[in-house]
Amino acid sequence: LSTFLGLLMIPSIYWLMPSRYNIVWNSILLTLHKEFKTLLGPSGHNGSTFIFISLFSLILFNNFMGLFPYIFTSTSHLTLTLSLALPLWLCFMLYGWINHTQHMFAHLVPQGTPAILMPFMVCIETISNIIRPSTLAVRLTANMIAGHLLLTLLGNTGPSMSYLLVTFLLT
């Protein structure tokens, strides 16, 4: 439920007079659109920045909601990170292999690899590309859980610590 709590913060487009919040949100979206357009270049397809802005907004709102007490951060859960990572990885891989086959083959063998090691490097890089979404999702989940665990441990031991130690930890 906390994943969709960010939808309440998105302003309605049917307001007659835009509020300050609506103007700020539209300027953020326009800035993100310009940034992603410069990253994608002129060959980017129409509407391709929409998925990146939507994904950025979803992750931003979910992580922001996790700052409030007693709200579960859904982005720290492995199911959400894997459900976001696997389809995006599959789409990017299919797009790359269909439209840029030579570049995808070139990335399977690093530059300067001796000729005798090239077949092994292709196998290693292929396995590396296949397991990349799951390893990145697990790393992201582990880092977020470690941060939450650290905050919980410091929060529970904070009242019993001396003032000197608390000021040392906070600085």
N, C-alpha and C. Protein backbone atom coordinates (compact mmCIF):
# COMPACT_ATOMS: atom_id res chain seq x y z
N LEU A 1 0.82 -1.18 0.00
CA LEU A 1 0.00 0.00 0.00
C LEU A 1 0.87 1.26 0.00
N SER A 2 2.01 1.19 0.71
CA SER A 2 2.86 2.37 0.76
C SER A 2 3.50 2.67 -0.58
N THR A 3 3.53 1.68 -1.48
CA THR A 3 4.09 1.92 -2.82
C THR A 3 3.24 2.92 -3.58
N PHE A 4 1.93 2.83 -3.42
CA PHE A 4 1.03 3.70 -4.16
C PHE A 4 0.67 4.98 -3.42
N LEU A 5 1.26 5.19 -2.24
CA LEU A 5 1.00 6.41 -1.49
C LEU A 5 1.54 7.64 -2.21
N GLY A 6 2.58 7.44 -3.03
CA GLY A 6 3.13 8.55 -3.80
C GLY A 6 2.18 9.08 -4.85
N LEU A 7 1.21 8.27 -5.27
CA LEU A 7 0.23 8.73 -6.25
C LEU A 7 -0.63 9.87 -5.71
N LEU A 8 -0.79 9.91 -4.40
CA LEU A 8 -1.56 11.00 -3.81
C LEU A 8 -0.83 12.34 -3.91
N MET A 9 0.49 12.29 -4.07
CA MET A 9 1.28 13.51 -4.12
C MET A 9 1.37 14.08 -5.53
N ILE A 10 1.02 13.29 -6.53
CA ILE A 10 1.08 13.78 -7.91
C ILE A 10 -0.10 14.69 -8.15
N PRO A 11 0.13 15.90 -8.62
CA PRO A 11 -0.98 16.84 -8.77
C PRO A 11 -1.90 16.45 -9.92
N SER A 12 -3.13 16.86 -9.80
CA SER A 12 -4.12 16.58 -10.83
C SER A 12 -3.92 17.53 -12.01
N ILE A 13 -4.10 17.03 -13.23
CA ILE A 13 -3.92 17.89 -14.40
C ILE A 13 -5.20 18.64 -14.76
N TYR A 14 -6.26 18.40 -14.01
CA TYR A 14 -7.54 19.02 -14.34
C TYR A 14 -7.82 20.27 -13.53
N TRP A 15 -6.88 20.75 -12.76
CA TRP A 15 -7.09 21.98 -12.00
C TRP A 15 -7.11 23.16 -12.95
N LEU A 16 -7.99 24.12 -12.66
CA LEU A 16 -8.08 25.29 -13.52
C LEU A 16 -6.89 26.21 -13.30
N MET A 17 -6.56 26.47 -12.06
CA MET A 17 -5.42 27.32 -11.75
C MET A 17 -4.34 26.43 -11.15
N PRO A 18 -3.18 26.34 -11.78
CA PRO A 18 -2.14 25.47 -11.21
C PRO A 18 -1.60 26.04 -9.91
N SER A 19 -1.43 25.16 -8.94
CA SER A 19 -0.88 25.59 -7.66
C SER A 19 0.64 25.65 -7.75
N ARG A 20 1.26 26.13 -6.69
CA ARG A 20 2.72 26.19 -6.66
C ARG A 20 3.31 24.79 -6.72
N TYR A 21 2.63 23.86 -6.06
CA TYR A 21 3.10 22.47 -6.07
C TYR A 21 3.05 21.91 -7.49
N ASN A 22 1.98 22.24 -8.22
CA ASN A 22 1.85 21.79 -9.61
C ASN A 22 2.94 22.39 -10.48
N ILE A 23 3.24 23.64 -10.28
CA ILE A 23 4.29 24.31 -11.07
C ILE A 23 5.66 23.70 -10.77
N VAL A 24 5.92 23.44 -9.48
CA VAL A 24 7.20 22.82 -9.10
C VAL A 24 7.32 21.42 -9.69
N TRP A 25 6.23 20.64 -9.60
CA TRP A 25 6.25 19.27 -10.14
C TRP A 25 6.47 19.28 -11.65
N ASN A 26 5.80 20.21 -12.36
CA ASN A 26 5.99 20.29 -13.81
C ASN A 26 7.40 20.72 -14.18
N SER A 27 7.99 21.60 -13.39
CA SER A 27 9.37 22.01 -13.69
C SER A 27 10.35 20.87 -13.43
N ILE A 28 10.07 20.06 -12.39
CA ILE A 28 10.92 18.88 -12.13
C ILE A 28 10.81 17.90 -13.29
N LEU A 29 9.59 17.64 -13.75
CA LEU A 29 9.39 16.72 -14.88
C LEU A 29 10.06 17.23 -16.14
N LEU A 30 9.97 18.54 -16.39
CA LEU A 30 10.59 19.11 -17.59
C LEU A 30 12.12 19.01 -17.50
N THR A 31 12.67 19.25 -16.32
CA THR A 31 14.12 19.13 -16.14
C THR A 31 14.57 17.69 -16.34
N LEU A 32 13.83 16.74 -15.77
CA LEU A 32 14.16 15.33 -15.96
C LEU A 32 14.06 14.93 -17.43
N HIS A 33 13.04 15.43 -18.10
CA HIS A 33 12.87 15.13 -19.53
C HIS A 33 14.06 15.64 -20.34
N LYS A 34 14.50 16.86 -20.04
CA LYS A 34 15.66 17.41 -20.76
C LYS A 34 16.93 16.61 -20.47
N GLU A 35 17.11 16.21 -19.21
CA GLU A 35 18.31 15.44 -18.86
C GLU A 35 18.33 14.09 -19.57
N PHE A 36 17.19 13.40 -19.56
CA PHE A 36 17.15 12.09 -20.21
C PHE A 36 17.25 12.23 -21.73
N LYS A 37 16.74 13.34 -22.29
CA LYS A 37 16.86 13.56 -23.73
C LYS A 37 18.32 13.76 -24.13
N THR A 38 19.07 14.47 -23.28
CA THR A 38 20.49 14.66 -23.61
C THR A 38 21.26 13.35 -23.46
N LEU A 39 20.85 12.50 -22.51
CA LEU A 39 21.52 11.21 -22.35
C LEU A 39 21.21 10.27 -23.51
N LEU A 40 19.96 10.28 -23.97
CA LEU A 40 19.56 9.38 -25.06
C LEU A 40 20.03 9.87 -26.42
N GLY A 41 20.23 11.17 -26.56
CA GLY A 41 20.69 11.71 -27.83
C GLY A 41 19.55 11.88 -28.81
N PRO A 42 19.88 12.35 -30.00
CA PRO A 42 18.83 12.59 -30.99
C PRO A 42 18.22 11.31 -31.56
N SER A 43 18.90 10.18 -31.38
CA SER A 43 18.37 8.94 -31.93
C SER A 43 17.38 8.27 -30.98
N GLY A 44 17.10 8.87 -29.81
CA GLY A 44 16.14 8.30 -28.87
C GLY A 44 14.74 8.32 -29.45
N HIS A 45 13.99 7.29 -29.18
CA HIS A 45 12.63 7.20 -29.71
C HIS A 45 11.71 8.14 -28.95
N ASN A 46 10.63 8.54 -29.61
CA ASN A 46 9.66 9.42 -28.97
C ASN A 46 9.00 8.70 -27.80
N GLY A 47 8.92 9.38 -26.67
CA GLY A 47 8.32 8.80 -25.48
C GLY A 47 9.23 7.89 -24.70
N SER A 48 10.48 7.77 -25.09
CA SER A 48 11.38 6.87 -24.36
C SER A 48 11.77 7.44 -23.00
N THR A 49 11.69 8.75 -22.84
CA THR A 49 12.02 9.32 -21.54
C THR A 49 10.90 9.10 -20.53
N PHE A 50 9.71 8.78 -21.01
CA PHE A 50 8.57 8.61 -20.11
C PHE A 50 8.80 7.46 -19.13
N ILE A 51 9.35 6.36 -19.60
CA ILE A 51 9.57 5.22 -18.71
C ILE A 51 10.62 5.54 -17.67
N PHE A 52 11.65 6.29 -18.05
CA PHE A 52 12.70 6.63 -17.10
C PHE A 52 12.19 7.61 -16.05
N ILE A 53 11.41 8.59 -16.48
CA ILE A 53 10.85 9.56 -15.53
C ILE A 53 9.86 8.88 -14.59
N SER A 54 9.04 7.97 -15.12
CA SER A 54 8.08 7.25 -14.27
C SER A 54 8.79 6.37 -13.25
N LEU A 55 9.81 5.68 -13.70
CA LEU A 55 10.57 4.81 -12.80
C LEU A 55 11.29 5.64 -11.74
N PHE A 56 11.88 6.76 -12.15
CA PHE A 56 12.56 7.65 -11.21
C PHE A 56 11.58 8.18 -10.18
N SER A 57 10.38 8.58 -10.62
CA SER A 57 9.39 9.12 -9.70
C SER A 57 8.91 8.05 -8.71
N LEU A 58 8.69 6.83 -9.20
CA LEU A 58 8.25 5.75 -8.33
C LEU A 58 9.28 5.46 -7.25
N ILE A 59 10.54 5.35 -7.64
CA ILE A 59 11.59 5.07 -6.66
C ILE A 59 11.79 6.25 -5.71
N LEU A 60 11.72 7.46 -6.24
CA LEU A 60 11.88 8.65 -5.41
C LEU A 60 10.80 8.73 -4.34
N PHE A 61 9.53 8.56 -4.73
CA PHE A 61 8.44 8.64 -3.76
C PHE A 61 8.49 7.51 -2.75
N ASN A 62 8.82 6.30 -3.20
CA ASN A 62 8.88 5.18 -2.26
C ASN A 62 10.01 5.36 -1.25
N ASN A 63 11.16 5.82 -1.71
CA ASN A 63 12.26 6.05 -0.78
C ASN A 63 11.97 7.23 0.15
N PHE A 64 11.27 8.24 -0.36
CA PHE A 64 10.90 9.38 0.47
C PHE A 64 9.90 8.97 1.54
N MET A 65 8.94 8.11 1.18
CA MET A 65 7.96 7.65 2.16
C MET A 65 8.62 6.78 3.23
N GLY A 66 9.72 6.13 2.89
CA GLY A 66 10.43 5.32 3.86
C GLY A 66 11.12 6.14 4.94
N LEU A 67 11.24 7.45 4.73
CA LEU A 67 11.85 8.30 5.75
C LEU A 67 10.92 8.53 6.93
N PHE A 68 9.61 8.37 6.70
CA PHE A 68 8.65 8.57 7.77
C PHE A 68 8.58 7.33 8.65
N PRO A 69 8.37 7.52 9.93
CA PRO A 69 8.33 6.34 10.81
C PRO A 69 7.09 5.49 10.57
N TYR A 70 7.26 4.19 10.74
CA TYR A 70 6.21 3.18 10.65
C TYR A 70 5.65 3.01 9.24
N ILE A 71 6.37 3.45 8.22
CA ILE A 71 5.96 3.20 6.84
C ILE A 71 7.00 2.28 6.22
N PHE A 72 6.53 1.18 5.69
CA PHE A 72 7.43 0.19 5.11
C PHE A 72 7.92 0.68 3.75
N THR A 73 9.22 0.63 3.52
CA THR A 73 9.80 1.01 2.25
C THR A 73 9.76 -0.20 1.31
N SER A 74 8.89 -0.13 0.33
CA SER A 74 8.73 -1.29 -0.55
C SER A 74 9.93 -1.48 -1.47
N THR A 75 10.72 -0.43 -1.70
CA THR A 75 11.89 -0.59 -2.56
C THR A 75 13.01 -1.36 -1.86
N SER A 76 12.89 -1.57 -0.57
CA SER A 76 13.90 -2.38 0.11
C SER A 76 13.54 -3.86 0.07
N HIS A 77 12.44 -4.19 -0.53
CA HIS A 77 12.00 -5.58 -0.62
C HIS A 77 12.47 -6.17 -1.95
N LEU A 78 12.92 -7.40 -1.91
CA LEU A 78 13.49 -8.04 -3.10
C LEU A 78 12.47 -8.23 -4.21
N THR A 79 11.21 -8.42 -3.87
CA THR A 79 10.20 -8.66 -4.92
C THR A 79 10.01 -7.42 -5.79
N LEU A 80 10.02 -6.24 -5.20
CA LEU A 80 9.84 -5.03 -6.01
C LEU A 80 11.06 -4.77 -6.87
N THR A 81 12.26 -4.91 -6.30
CA THR A 81 13.45 -4.62 -7.09
C THR A 81 13.62 -5.62 -8.23
N LEU A 82 13.30 -6.89 -7.97
CA LEU A 82 13.39 -7.89 -9.05
C LEU A 82 12.30 -7.69 -10.10
N SER A 83 11.10 -7.32 -9.65
CA SER A 83 10.03 -7.11 -10.63
C SER A 83 10.26 -5.87 -11.47
N LEU A 84 11.05 -4.93 -11.00
CA LEU A 84 11.43 -3.79 -11.82
C LEU A 84 12.65 -4.11 -12.68
N ALA A 85 13.59 -4.87 -12.13
CA ALA A 85 14.86 -5.10 -12.83
C ALA A 85 14.73 -6.10 -13.98
N LEU A 86 14.01 -7.18 -13.77
CA LEU A 86 13.95 -8.23 -14.80
C LEU A 86 13.29 -7.78 -16.11
N PRO A 87 12.10 -7.16 -16.09
CA PRO A 87 11.53 -6.73 -17.37
C PRO A 87 12.35 -5.65 -18.07
N LEU A 88 12.90 -4.71 -17.30
CA LEU A 88 13.72 -3.67 -17.92
C LEU A 88 14.98 -4.26 -18.52
N TRP A 89 15.63 -5.18 -17.82
CA TRP A 89 16.83 -5.81 -18.35
C TRP A 89 16.51 -6.59 -19.61
N LEU A 90 15.41 -7.34 -19.59
CA LEU A 90 15.03 -8.13 -20.76
C LEU A 90 14.73 -7.23 -21.95
N CYS A 91 14.03 -6.13 -21.73
CA CYS A 91 13.73 -5.20 -22.83
C CYS A 91 15.00 -4.58 -23.40
N PHE A 92 15.91 -4.16 -22.52
CA PHE A 92 17.15 -3.55 -23.00
C PHE A 92 18.03 -4.56 -23.75
N MET A 93 18.07 -5.77 -23.25
CA MET A 93 18.85 -6.81 -23.94
C MET A 93 18.25 -7.14 -25.31
N LEU A 94 16.95 -7.31 -25.36
CA LEU A 94 16.31 -7.60 -26.66
C LEU A 94 16.47 -6.44 -27.63
N TYR A 95 16.30 -5.23 -27.14
CA TYR A 95 16.48 -4.06 -28.00
C TYR A 95 17.91 -3.99 -28.51
N GLY A 96 18.87 -4.22 -27.62
CA GLY A 96 20.28 -4.16 -28.04
C GLY A 96 20.63 -5.24 -29.03
N TRP A 97 20.17 -6.48 -28.80
CA TRP A 97 20.50 -7.57 -29.71
C TRP A 97 19.79 -7.43 -31.05
N ILE A 98 18.61 -6.85 -31.07
CA ILE A 98 17.88 -6.69 -32.33
C ILE A 98 18.42 -5.51 -33.14
N ASN A 99 18.66 -4.39 -32.49
CA ASN A 99 19.02 -3.16 -33.21
C ASN A 99 20.52 -2.88 -33.28
N HIS A 100 21.30 -3.37 -32.33
CA HIS A 100 22.73 -3.08 -32.28
C HIS A 100 23.50 -4.38 -32.04
N THR A 101 23.37 -5.30 -32.94
CA THR A 101 23.96 -6.63 -32.76
C THR A 101 25.48 -6.58 -32.69
N GLN A 102 26.10 -5.78 -33.55
CA GLN A 102 27.56 -5.69 -33.55
C GLN A 102 28.10 -5.16 -32.22
N HIS A 103 27.43 -4.16 -31.67
CA HIS A 103 27.88 -3.59 -30.39
C HIS A 103 27.71 -4.60 -29.25
N MET A 104 26.63 -5.37 -29.31
CA MET A 104 26.40 -6.36 -28.25
C MET A 104 27.45 -7.47 -28.32
N PHE A 105 27.82 -7.88 -29.53
CA PHE A 105 28.89 -8.87 -29.65
C PHE A 105 30.23 -8.30 -29.21
N ALA A 106 30.45 -7.01 -29.49
CA ALA A 106 31.71 -6.38 -29.10
C ALA A 106 31.86 -6.30 -27.59
N HIS A 107 30.73 -6.20 -26.87
CA HIS A 107 30.81 -6.13 -25.40
C HIS A 107 31.05 -7.48 -24.75
N LEU A 108 30.96 -8.55 -25.52
CA LEU A 108 31.19 -9.87 -24.94
C LEU A 108 32.68 -10.18 -24.77
N VAL A 109 33.53 -9.46 -25.50
CA VAL A 109 34.97 -9.69 -25.40
C VAL A 109 35.63 -8.35 -25.08
N PRO A 110 36.23 -8.20 -23.89
CA PRO A 110 36.91 -6.93 -23.55
C PRO A 110 38.12 -6.69 -24.46
N GLN A 111 38.46 -5.42 -24.62
CA GLN A 111 39.60 -5.07 -25.46
C GLN A 111 40.89 -5.59 -24.84
N GLY A 112 41.78 -6.04 -25.68
CA GLY A 112 43.07 -6.52 -25.23
C GLY A 112 43.07 -7.96 -24.76
N THR A 113 41.97 -8.67 -24.98
CA THR A 113 41.91 -10.08 -24.56
C THR A 113 42.71 -10.92 -25.54
N PRO A 114 43.59 -11.80 -25.05
CA PRO A 114 44.33 -12.68 -25.97
C PRO A 114 43.37 -13.61 -26.73
N ALA A 115 43.77 -13.97 -27.94
CA ALA A 115 42.90 -14.76 -28.81
C ALA A 115 42.55 -16.11 -28.20
N ILE A 116 43.45 -16.68 -27.45
CA ILE A 116 43.20 -18.01 -26.88
C ILE A 116 42.15 -17.96 -25.76
N LEU A 117 41.99 -16.80 -25.12
CA LEU A 117 41.02 -16.65 -24.03
C LEU A 117 39.65 -16.16 -24.49
N MET A 118 39.51 -15.78 -25.74
CA MET A 118 38.26 -15.19 -26.22
C MET A 118 37.04 -16.09 -26.05
N PRO A 119 37.11 -17.40 -26.35
CA PRO A 119 35.91 -18.23 -26.13
C PRO A 119 35.49 -18.29 -24.66
N PHE A 120 36.48 -18.32 -23.75
CA PHE A 120 36.15 -18.34 -22.33
C PHE A 120 35.55 -17.01 -21.87
N MET A 121 36.07 -15.92 -22.42
CA MET A 121 35.56 -14.60 -22.04
C MET A 121 34.12 -14.42 -22.52
N VAL A 122 33.79 -14.97 -23.68
CA VAL A 122 32.40 -14.89 -24.16
C VAL A 122 31.48 -15.63 -23.21
N CYS A 123 31.89 -16.80 -22.74
CA CYS A 123 31.08 -17.56 -21.78
C CYS A 123 30.93 -16.81 -20.46
N ILE A 124 32.03 -16.26 -19.97
CA ILE A 124 32.00 -15.54 -18.70
C ILE A 124 31.14 -14.30 -18.80
N GLU A 125 31.30 -13.53 -19.88
CA GLU A 125 30.51 -12.30 -20.04
C GLU A 125 29.04 -12.61 -20.26
N THR A 126 28.72 -13.70 -20.94
CA THR A 126 27.32 -14.08 -21.13
C THR A 126 26.67 -14.43 -19.80
N ILE A 127 27.37 -15.22 -19.00
CA ILE A 127 26.84 -15.57 -17.67
C ILE A 127 26.72 -14.32 -16.81
N SER A 128 27.68 -13.43 -16.91
CA SER A 128 27.64 -12.19 -16.14
C SER A 128 26.44 -11.34 -16.53
N ASN A 129 26.15 -11.25 -17.83
CA ASN A 129 25.00 -10.47 -18.29
C ASN A 129 23.68 -11.11 -17.88
N ILE A 130 23.63 -12.43 -17.83
CA ILE A 130 22.38 -13.11 -17.48
C ILE A 130 22.05 -12.93 -16.00
N ILE A 131 23.05 -13.01 -15.13
CA ILE A 131 22.78 -12.91 -13.70
C ILE A 131 22.84 -11.48 -13.17
N ARG A 132 23.12 -10.50 -14.03
CA ARG A 132 23.26 -9.12 -13.58
C ARG A 132 22.02 -8.56 -12.88
N PRO A 133 20.78 -8.72 -13.41
CA PRO A 133 19.64 -8.12 -12.69
C PRO A 133 19.43 -8.70 -11.30
N SER A 134 19.62 -10.01 -11.15
CA SER A 134 19.40 -10.59 -9.83
C SER A 134 20.49 -10.16 -8.85
N THR A 135 21.74 -10.08 -9.30
CA THR A 135 22.81 -9.66 -8.39
C THR A 135 22.64 -8.20 -7.99
N LEU A 136 22.25 -7.35 -8.93
CA LEU A 136 22.05 -5.94 -8.58
C LEU A 136 20.85 -5.76 -7.66
N ALA A 137 19.79 -6.55 -7.87
CA ALA A 137 18.62 -6.46 -6.98
C ALA A 137 18.96 -6.93 -5.58
N VAL A 138 19.73 -7.99 -5.48
CA VAL A 138 20.13 -8.49 -4.16
C VAL A 138 21.05 -7.49 -3.47
N ARG A 139 21.97 -6.89 -4.20
CA ARG A 139 22.86 -5.89 -3.61
C ARG A 139 22.09 -4.68 -3.12
N LEU A 140 21.12 -4.20 -3.92
CA LEU A 140 20.32 -3.05 -3.52
C LEU A 140 19.51 -3.37 -2.27
N THR A 141 18.89 -4.54 -2.25
CA THR A 141 18.10 -4.94 -1.09
C THR A 141 18.98 -5.08 0.15
N ALA A 142 20.13 -5.69 0.02
CA ALA A 142 21.02 -5.88 1.17
C ALA A 142 21.52 -4.54 1.70
N ASN A 143 21.85 -3.61 0.81
CA ASN A 143 22.32 -2.30 1.26
C ASN A 143 21.22 -1.53 1.98
N MET A 144 19.99 -1.60 1.47
CA MET A 144 18.91 -0.87 2.12
C MET A 144 18.54 -1.50 3.46
N ILE A 145 18.53 -2.83 3.52
CA ILE A 145 18.23 -3.49 4.79
C ILE A 145 19.33 -3.22 5.80
N ALA A 146 20.58 -3.18 5.35
CA ALA A 146 21.69 -2.88 6.26
C ALA A 146 21.56 -1.46 6.82
N GLY A 147 21.16 -0.53 5.99
CA GLY A 147 20.96 0.84 6.47
C GLY A 147 19.83 0.92 7.48
N HIS A 148 18.73 0.23 7.19
CA HIS A 148 17.59 0.25 8.11
C HIS A 148 17.95 -0.46 9.42
N LEU A 149 18.71 -1.55 9.31
CA LEU A 149 19.12 -2.27 10.50
C LEU A 149 20.04 -1.41 11.37
N LEU A 150 20.94 -0.68 10.73
CA LEU A 150 21.84 0.21 11.47
C LEU A 150 21.06 1.30 12.17
N LEU A 151 20.09 1.90 11.48
CA LEU A 151 19.28 2.94 12.11
C LEU A 151 18.47 2.38 13.27
N THR A 152 17.94 1.17 13.12
CA THR A 152 17.17 0.55 14.19
C THR A 152 18.06 0.26 15.41
N LEU A 153 19.25 -0.28 15.15
CA LEU A 153 20.14 -0.59 16.26
C LEU A 153 20.59 0.68 16.98
N LEU A 154 20.90 1.72 16.23
CA LEU A 154 21.30 2.98 16.86
C LEU A 154 20.13 3.62 17.59
N GLY A 155 18.91 3.46 17.03
CA GLY A 155 17.74 4.03 17.68
C GLY A 155 17.39 3.32 18.97
N ASN A 156 17.61 2.03 19.02
CA ASN A 156 17.29 1.28 20.24
C ASN A 156 18.33 1.44 21.33
N THR A 157 19.58 1.62 20.95
CA THR A 157 20.63 1.77 21.96
C THR A 157 20.92 3.23 22.29
N GLY A 158 20.30 4.15 21.59
CA GLY A 158 20.56 5.57 21.80
C GLY A 158 20.27 6.05 23.20
N PRO A 159 19.12 5.72 23.80
CA PRO A 159 18.83 6.24 25.15
C PRO A 159 19.78 5.73 26.23
N SER A 160 20.38 4.57 26.03
CA SER A 160 21.26 4.03 27.06
C SER A 160 22.71 4.45 26.87
N MET A 161 23.01 5.20 25.82
CA MET A 161 24.39 5.61 25.56
C MET A 161 24.69 6.93 26.26
N SER A 162 25.97 7.18 26.47
CA SER A 162 26.37 8.45 27.08
C SER A 162 26.27 9.57 26.04
N TYR A 163 26.15 10.81 26.53
CA TYR A 163 26.03 11.94 25.63
C TYR A 163 27.26 12.12 24.76
N LEU A 164 28.41 11.82 25.29
CA LEU A 164 29.65 11.97 24.55
C LEU A 164 29.68 11.01 23.35
N LEU A 165 29.25 9.78 23.57
CA LEU A 165 29.23 8.79 22.50
C LEU A 165 28.17 9.12 21.45
N VAL A 166 27.03 9.65 21.88
CA VAL A 166 25.97 10.02 20.94
C VAL A 166 26.45 11.17 20.06
N THR A 167 27.08 12.18 20.65
CA THR A 167 27.59 13.30 19.83
C THR A 167 28.70 12.85 18.89
N PHE A 168 29.50 11.88 19.33
CA PHE A 168 30.55 11.34 18.46
C PHE A 168 29.95 10.60 17.27
N LEU A 169 28.87 9.85 17.50
CA LEU A 169 28.23 9.11 16.40
C LEU A 169 27.50 10.03 15.44
N LEU A 170 26.92 11.11 15.94
CA LEU A 170 26.16 12.01 15.09
C LEU A 170 27.03 12.95 14.28
N THR A 171 28.29 13.14 14.69
CA THR A 171 29.16 14.05 13.93
C THR A 171 30.04 13.33 12.97
